[in-house]
Amino acid sequence: DRGTRSIPVGGAVLVEPDDVPPNG
């Protein structure tokens, strides 16, 4: 019931290094 928050993508994102999966 509290709803959601809005996070713009804008064509690119930042993730933490350990969260980048291998290619594929």
PDB file of all heavy atoms in Angstrom:
ATOM      1  N   ASP A   1       0.809  -1.212   0.000  1.00  0.00           N
ATOM      2  CA  ASP A   1       0.000   0.000   0.000  1.00  0.00           C
ATOM      3  C   ASP A   1       0.849   1.272   0.000  1.00  0.00           C
ATOM      4  O   ASP A   1       0.344   2.357  -0.295  1.00  0.00           O
ATOM      5  CB  ASP A   1      -0.926  -0.001   1.216  1.00  0.00           C
ATOM      6  CG  ASP A   1      -0.158  -0.143   2.531  1.00  0.00           C
ATOM      7  OD1 ASP A   1       0.666  -1.067   2.635  1.00  0.00           O
ATOM      8  OD2 ASP A   1      -0.396   0.670   3.440  1.00  0.00           O
ATOM      9  N   ARG A   2       2.117   1.161   0.339  1.00  0.00           N
ATOM     10  CA  ARG A   2       2.993   2.338   0.325  1.00  0.00           C
ATOM     11  C   ARG A   2       3.413   2.704  -1.095  1.00  0.00           C
ATOM     12  O   ARG A   2       3.979   3.770  -1.319  1.00  0.00           O
ATOM     13  CB  ARG A   2       4.235   2.093   1.181  1.00  0.00           C
ATOM     14  CG  ARG A   2       3.948   1.961   2.662  1.00  0.00           C
ATOM     15  CD  ARG A   2       5.243   1.969   3.450  1.00  0.00           C
ATOM     16  NE  ARG A   2       5.056   1.451   4.789  1.00  0.00           N
ATOM     17  CZ  ARG A   2       6.035   1.181   5.634  1.00  0.00           C
ATOM     18  NH1 ARG A   2       7.295   1.378   5.258  1.00  0.00           N
ATOM     19  NH2 ARG A   2       5.780   0.703   6.838  1.00  0.00           N
ATOM     20  N   GLY A   3       3.198   1.811  -2.015  1.00  0.00           N
ATOM     21  CA  GLY A   3       3.501   2.109  -3.404  1.00  0.00           C
ATOM     22  C   GLY A   3       4.946   1.814  -3.787  1.00  0.00           C
ATOM     23  O   GLY A   3       5.649   1.057  -3.113  1.00  0.00           O
ATOM     24  N   THR A   4       5.346   2.422  -4.881  1.00  0.00           N
ATOM     25  CA  THR A   4       6.681   2.176  -5.430  1.00  0.00           C
ATOM     26  C   THR A   4       7.440   3.494  -5.524  1.00  0.00           C
ATOM     27  O   THR A   4       6.883   4.574  -5.352  1.00  0.00           O
ATOM     28  CB  THR A   4       6.575   1.560  -6.830  1.00  0.00           C
ATOM     29  OG1 THR A   4       5.850   2.454  -7.679  1.00  0.00           O
ATOM     30  CG2 THR A   4       5.870   0.208  -6.784  1.00  0.00           C
ATOM     31  N   ARG A   5       8.741   3.385  -5.780  1.00  0.00           N
ATOM     32  CA  ARG A   5       9.528   4.596  -6.066  1.00  0.00           C
ATOM     33  C   ARG A   5       9.941   4.555  -7.529  1.00  0.00           C
ATOM     34  O   ARG A   5       9.987   3.470  -8.138  1.00  0.00           O
ATOM     35  CB  ARG A   5      10.744   4.701  -5.155  1.00  0.00           C
ATOM     36  CG  ARG A   5      11.808   3.641  -5.366  1.00  0.00           C
ATOM     37  CD  ARG A   5      11.929   2.666  -4.239  1.00  0.00           C
ATOM     38  NE  ARG A   5      13.280   2.068  -4.282  1.00  0.00           N
ATOM     39  CZ  ARG A   5      13.601   0.951  -3.670  1.00  0.00           C
ATOM     40  NH1 ARG A   5      12.690   0.266  -3.012  1.00  0.00           N
ATOM     41  NH2 ARG A   5      14.842   0.502  -3.718  1.00  0.00           N
ATOM     42  N   SER A   6      10.263   5.705  -8.096  1.00  0.00           N
ATOM     43  CA  SER A   6      10.616   5.804  -9.514  1.00  0.00           C
ATOM     44  C   SER A   6      12.109   6.079  -9.654  1.00  0.00           C
ATOM     45  O   SER A   6      12.619   7.073  -9.132  1.00  0.00           O
ATOM     46  CB  SER A   6       9.816   6.928 -10.185  1.00  0.00           C
ATOM     47  OG  SER A   6       8.434   6.644 -10.145  1.00  0.00           O
ATOM     48  N   ILE A   7      12.795   5.194 -10.379  1.00  0.00           N
ATOM     49  CA  ILE A   7      14.228   5.357 -10.600  1.00  0.00           C
ATOM     50  C   ILE A   7      14.465   5.452 -12.106  1.00  0.00           C
ATOM     51  O   ILE A   7      14.351   4.457 -12.832  1.00  0.00           O
ATOM     52  CB  ILE A   7      15.025   4.174 -10.026  1.00  0.00           C
ATOM     53  CG1 ILE A   7      14.622   3.914  -8.562  1.00  0.00           C
ATOM     54  CG2 ILE A   7      16.523   4.443 -10.123  1.00  0.00           C
ATOM     55  CD1 ILE A   7      15.320   2.722  -7.945  1.00  0.00           C
ATOM     56  N   PRO A   8      14.794   6.631 -12.610  1.00  0.00           N
ATOM     57  CA  PRO A   8      15.015   6.795 -14.059  1.00  0.00           C
ATOM     58  C   PRO A   8      16.231   5.990 -14.531  1.00  0.00           C
ATOM     59  O   PRO A   8      17.260   5.940 -13.859  1.00  0.00           O
ATOM     60  CB  PRO A   8      15.257   8.293 -14.214  1.00  0.00           C
ATOM     61  CG  PRO A   8      14.723   8.919 -12.960  1.00  0.00           C
ATOM     62  CD  PRO A   8      14.930   7.903 -11.891  1.00  0.00           C
ATOM     63  N   VAL A   9      16.073   5.394 -15.703  1.00  0.00           N
ATOM     64  CA  VAL A   9      17.187   4.653 -16.309  1.00  0.00           C
ATOM     65  C   VAL A   9      18.065   5.592 -17.122  1.00  0.00           C
ATOM     66  O   VAL A   9      19.292   5.631 -16.942  1.00  0.00           O
ATOM     67  CB  VAL A   9      16.659   3.511 -17.200  1.00  0.00           C
ATOM     68  CG1 VAL A   9      17.817   2.787 -17.884  1.00  0.00           C
ATOM     69  CG2 VAL A   9      15.821   2.540 -16.372  1.00  0.00           C
ATOM     70  N   GLY A  10      17.466   6.329 -18.039  1.00  0.00           N
ATOM     71  CA  GLY A  10      18.235   7.307 -18.803  1.00  0.00           C
ATOM     72  C   GLY A  10      19.252   6.707 -19.749  1.00  0.00           C
ATOM     73  O   GLY A  10      20.258   7.342 -20.070  1.00  0.00           O
ATOM     74  N   GLY A  11      19.038   5.482 -20.159  1.00  0.00           N
ATOM     75  CA  GLY A  11      19.921   4.871 -21.154  1.00  0.00           C
ATOM     76  C   GLY A  11      21.100   4.115 -20.590  1.00  0.00           C
ATOM     77  O   GLY A  11      21.767   3.368 -21.319  1.00  0.00           O
ATOM     78  N   ALA A  12      21.410   4.270 -19.304  1.00  0.00           N
ATOM     79  CA  ALA A  12      22.540   3.554 -18.710  1.00  0.00           C
ATOM     80  C   ALA A  12      22.340   3.492 -17.203  1.00  0.00           C
ATOM     81  O   ALA A  12      21.695   4.355 -16.598  1.00  0.00           O
ATOM     82  CB  ALA A  12      23.868   4.230 -19.040  1.00  0.00           C
ATOM     83  N   VAL A  13      22.924   2.453 -16.575  1.00  0.00           N
ATOM     84  CA  VAL A  13      22.800   2.285 -15.124  1.00  0.00           C
ATOM     85  C   VAL A  13      24.180   2.061 -14.509  1.00  0.00           C
ATOM     86  O   VAL A  13      25.156   1.750 -15.205  1.00  0.00           O
ATOM     87  CB  VAL A  13      21.872   1.102 -14.774  1.00  0.00           C
ATOM     88  CG1 VAL A  13      20.469   1.328 -15.296  1.00  0.00           C
ATOM     89  CG2 VAL A  13      22.454  -0.224 -15.289  1.00  0.00           C
ATOM     90  N   LEU A  14      24.204   2.234 -13.189  1.00  0.00           N
ATOM     91  CA  LEU A  14      25.385   1.900 -12.397  1.00  0.00           C
ATOM     92  C   LEU A  14      25.047   0.713 -11.512  1.00  0.00           C
ATOM     93  O   LEU A  14      23.999   0.688 -10.863  1.00  0.00           O
ATOM     94  CB  LEU A  14      25.802   3.086 -11.529  1.00  0.00           C
ATOM     95  CG  LEU A  14      26.311   4.334 -12.241  1.00  0.00           C
ATOM     96  CD1 LEU A  14      26.437   5.482 -11.251  1.00  0.00           C
ATOM     97  CD2 LEU A  14      27.671   4.056 -12.900  1.00  0.00           C
ATOM     98  N   VAL A  15      25.924  -0.272 -11.491  1.00  0.00           N
ATOM     99  CA  VAL A  15      25.790  -1.401 -10.575  1.00  0.00           C
ATOM    100  C   VAL A  15      27.136  -1.603  -9.886  1.00  0.00           C
ATOM    101  O   VAL A  15      28.167  -1.099 -10.339  1.00  0.00           O
ATOM    102  CB  VAL A  15      25.369  -2.696 -11.309  1.00  0.00           C
ATOM    103  CG1 VAL A  15      23.979  -2.554 -11.904  1.00  0.00           C
ATOM    104  CG2 VAL A  15      26.384  -3.070 -12.375  1.00  0.00           C
ATOM    105  N   GLU A  16      27.120  -2.348  -8.798  1.00  0.00           N
ATOM    106  CA  GLU A  16      28.363  -2.603  -8.075  1.00  0.00           C
ATOM    107  C   GLU A  16      29.186  -3.634  -8.842  1.00  0.00           C
ATOM    108  O   GLU A  16      28.640  -4.525  -9.513  1.00  0.00           O
ATOM    109  CB  GLU A  16      28.063  -3.055  -6.652  1.00  0.00           C
ATOM    110  CG  GLU A  16      27.337  -1.971  -5.855  1.00  0.00           C
ATOM    111  CD  GLU A  16      27.326  -2.226  -4.347  1.00  0.00           C
ATOM    112  OE1 GLU A  16      27.674  -3.337  -3.921  1.00  0.00           O
ATOM    113  OE2 GLU A  16      26.955  -1.289  -3.603  1.00  0.00           O
ATOM    114  N   PRO A  17      30.521  -3.523  -8.761  1.00  0.00           N
ATOM    115  CA  PRO A  17      31.393  -4.383  -9.584  1.00  0.00           C
ATOM    116  C   PRO A  17      31.084  -5.873  -9.452  1.00  0.00           C
ATOM    117  O   PRO A  17      31.078  -6.598 -10.458  1.00  0.00           O
ATOM    118  CB  PRO A  17      32.790  -4.049  -9.064  1.00  0.00           C
ATOM    119  CG  PRO A  17      32.681  -2.646  -8.566  1.00  0.00           C
ATOM    120  CD  PRO A  17      31.295  -2.539  -7.991  1.00  0.00           C
ATOM    121  N   ASP A  18      30.816  -6.348  -8.231  1.00  0.00           N
ATOM    122  CA  ASP A  18      30.575  -7.779  -8.036  1.00  0.00           C
ATOM    123  C   ASP A  18      29.242  -8.230  -8.621  1.00  0.00           C
ATOM    124  O   ASP A  18      28.984  -9.436  -8.716  1.00  0.00           O
ATOM    125  CB  ASP A  18      30.620  -8.129  -6.551  1.00  0.00           C
ATOM    126  CG  ASP A  18      32.017  -8.017  -5.964  1.00  0.00           C
ATOM    127  OD1 ASP A  18      32.984  -7.971  -6.755  1.00  0.00           O
ATOM    128  OD2 ASP A  18      32.138  -7.971  -4.721  1.00  0.00           O
ATOM    129  N   ASP A  19      28.393  -7.261  -8.982  1.00  0.00           N
ATOM    130  CA  ASP A  19      27.081  -7.611  -9.516  1.00  0.00           C
ATOM    131  C   ASP A  19      27.051  -7.665 -11.041  1.00  0.00           C
ATOM    132  O   ASP A  19      26.009  -7.971 -11.632  1.00  0.00           O
ATOM    133  CB  ASP A  19      26.028  -6.612  -9.022  1.00  0.00           C
ATOM    134  CG  ASP A  19      25.750  -6.747  -7.536  1.00  0.00           C
ATOM    135  OD1 ASP A  19      25.978  -7.840  -6.985  1.00  0.00           O
ATOM    136  OD2 ASP A  19      25.309  -5.752  -6.917  1.00  0.00           O
ATOM    137  N   VAL A  20      28.163  -7.360 -11.689  1.00  0.00           N
ATOM    138  CA  VAL A  20      28.222  -7.447 -13.157  1.00  0.00           C
ATOM    139  C   VAL A  20      28.407  -8.919 -13.530  1.00  0.00           C
ATOM    140  O   VAL A  20      29.427  -9.526 -13.183  1.00  0.00           O
ATOM    141  CB  VAL A  20      29.380  -6.611 -13.718  1.00  0.00           C
ATOM    142  CG1 VAL A  20      29.442  -6.761 -15.246  1.00  0.00           C
ATOM    143  CG2 VAL A  20      29.220  -5.142 -13.332  1.00  0.00           C
ATOM    144  N   PRO A  21      27.441  -9.520 -14.236  1.00  0.00           N
ATOM    145  CA  PRO A  21      27.568 -10.934 -14.557  1.00  0.00           C
ATOM    146  C   PRO A  21      28.545 -11.141 -15.723  1.00  0.00           C
ATOM    147  O   PRO A  21      28.850 -10.210 -16.479  1.00  0.00           O
ATOM    148  CB  PRO A  21      26.146 -11.314 -14.970  1.00  0.00           C
ATOM    149  CG  PRO A  21      25.589 -10.057 -15.558  1.00  0.00           C
ATOM    150  CD  PRO A  21      26.186  -8.935 -14.761  1.00  0.00           C
ATOM    151  N   PRO A  22      29.055 -12.345 -15.863  1.00  0.00           N
ATOM    152  CA  PRO A  22      29.905 -12.640 -17.031  1.00  0.00           C
ATOM    153  C   PRO A  22      29.108 -12.425 -18.318  1.00  0.00           C
ATOM    154  O   PRO A  22      27.872 -12.454 -18.319  1.00  0.00           O
ATOM    155  CB  PRO A  22      30.272 -14.116 -16.842  1.00  0.00           C
ATOM    156  CG  PRO A  22      30.043 -14.404 -15.393  1.00  0.00           C
ATOM    157  CD  PRO A  22      28.910 -13.519 -14.975  1.00  0.00           C
ATOM    158  N   ASN A  23      29.808 -12.210 -19.393  1.00  0.00           N
ATOM    159  CA  ASN A  23      29.146 -12.041 -20.684  1.00  0.00           C
ATOM    160  C   ASN A  23      28.240 -13.230 -20.974  1.00  0.00           C
ATOM    161  O   ASN A  23      28.627 -14.397 -20.789  1.00  0.00           O
ATOM    162  CB  ASN A  23      30.191 -11.902 -21.804  1.00  0.00           C
ATOM    163  CG  ASN A  23      30.439 -10.443 -22.137  1.00  0.00           C
ATOM    164  OD1 ASN A  23      29.506  -9.647 -22.208  1.00  0.00           O
ATOM    165  ND2 ASN A  23      31.701 -10.097 -22.319  1.00  0.00           N
ATOM    166  N   GLY A  24      27.048 -12.905 -21.406  1.00  0.00           N
ATOM    167  CA  GLY A  24      26.084 -13.946 -21.735  1.00  0.00           C
ATOM    168  C   GLY A  24      25.194 -14.351 -20.584  1.00  0.00           C
ATOM    169  O   GLY A  24      24.199 -15.056 -20.782  1.00  0.00           O
TER     170      GLY A  24
END
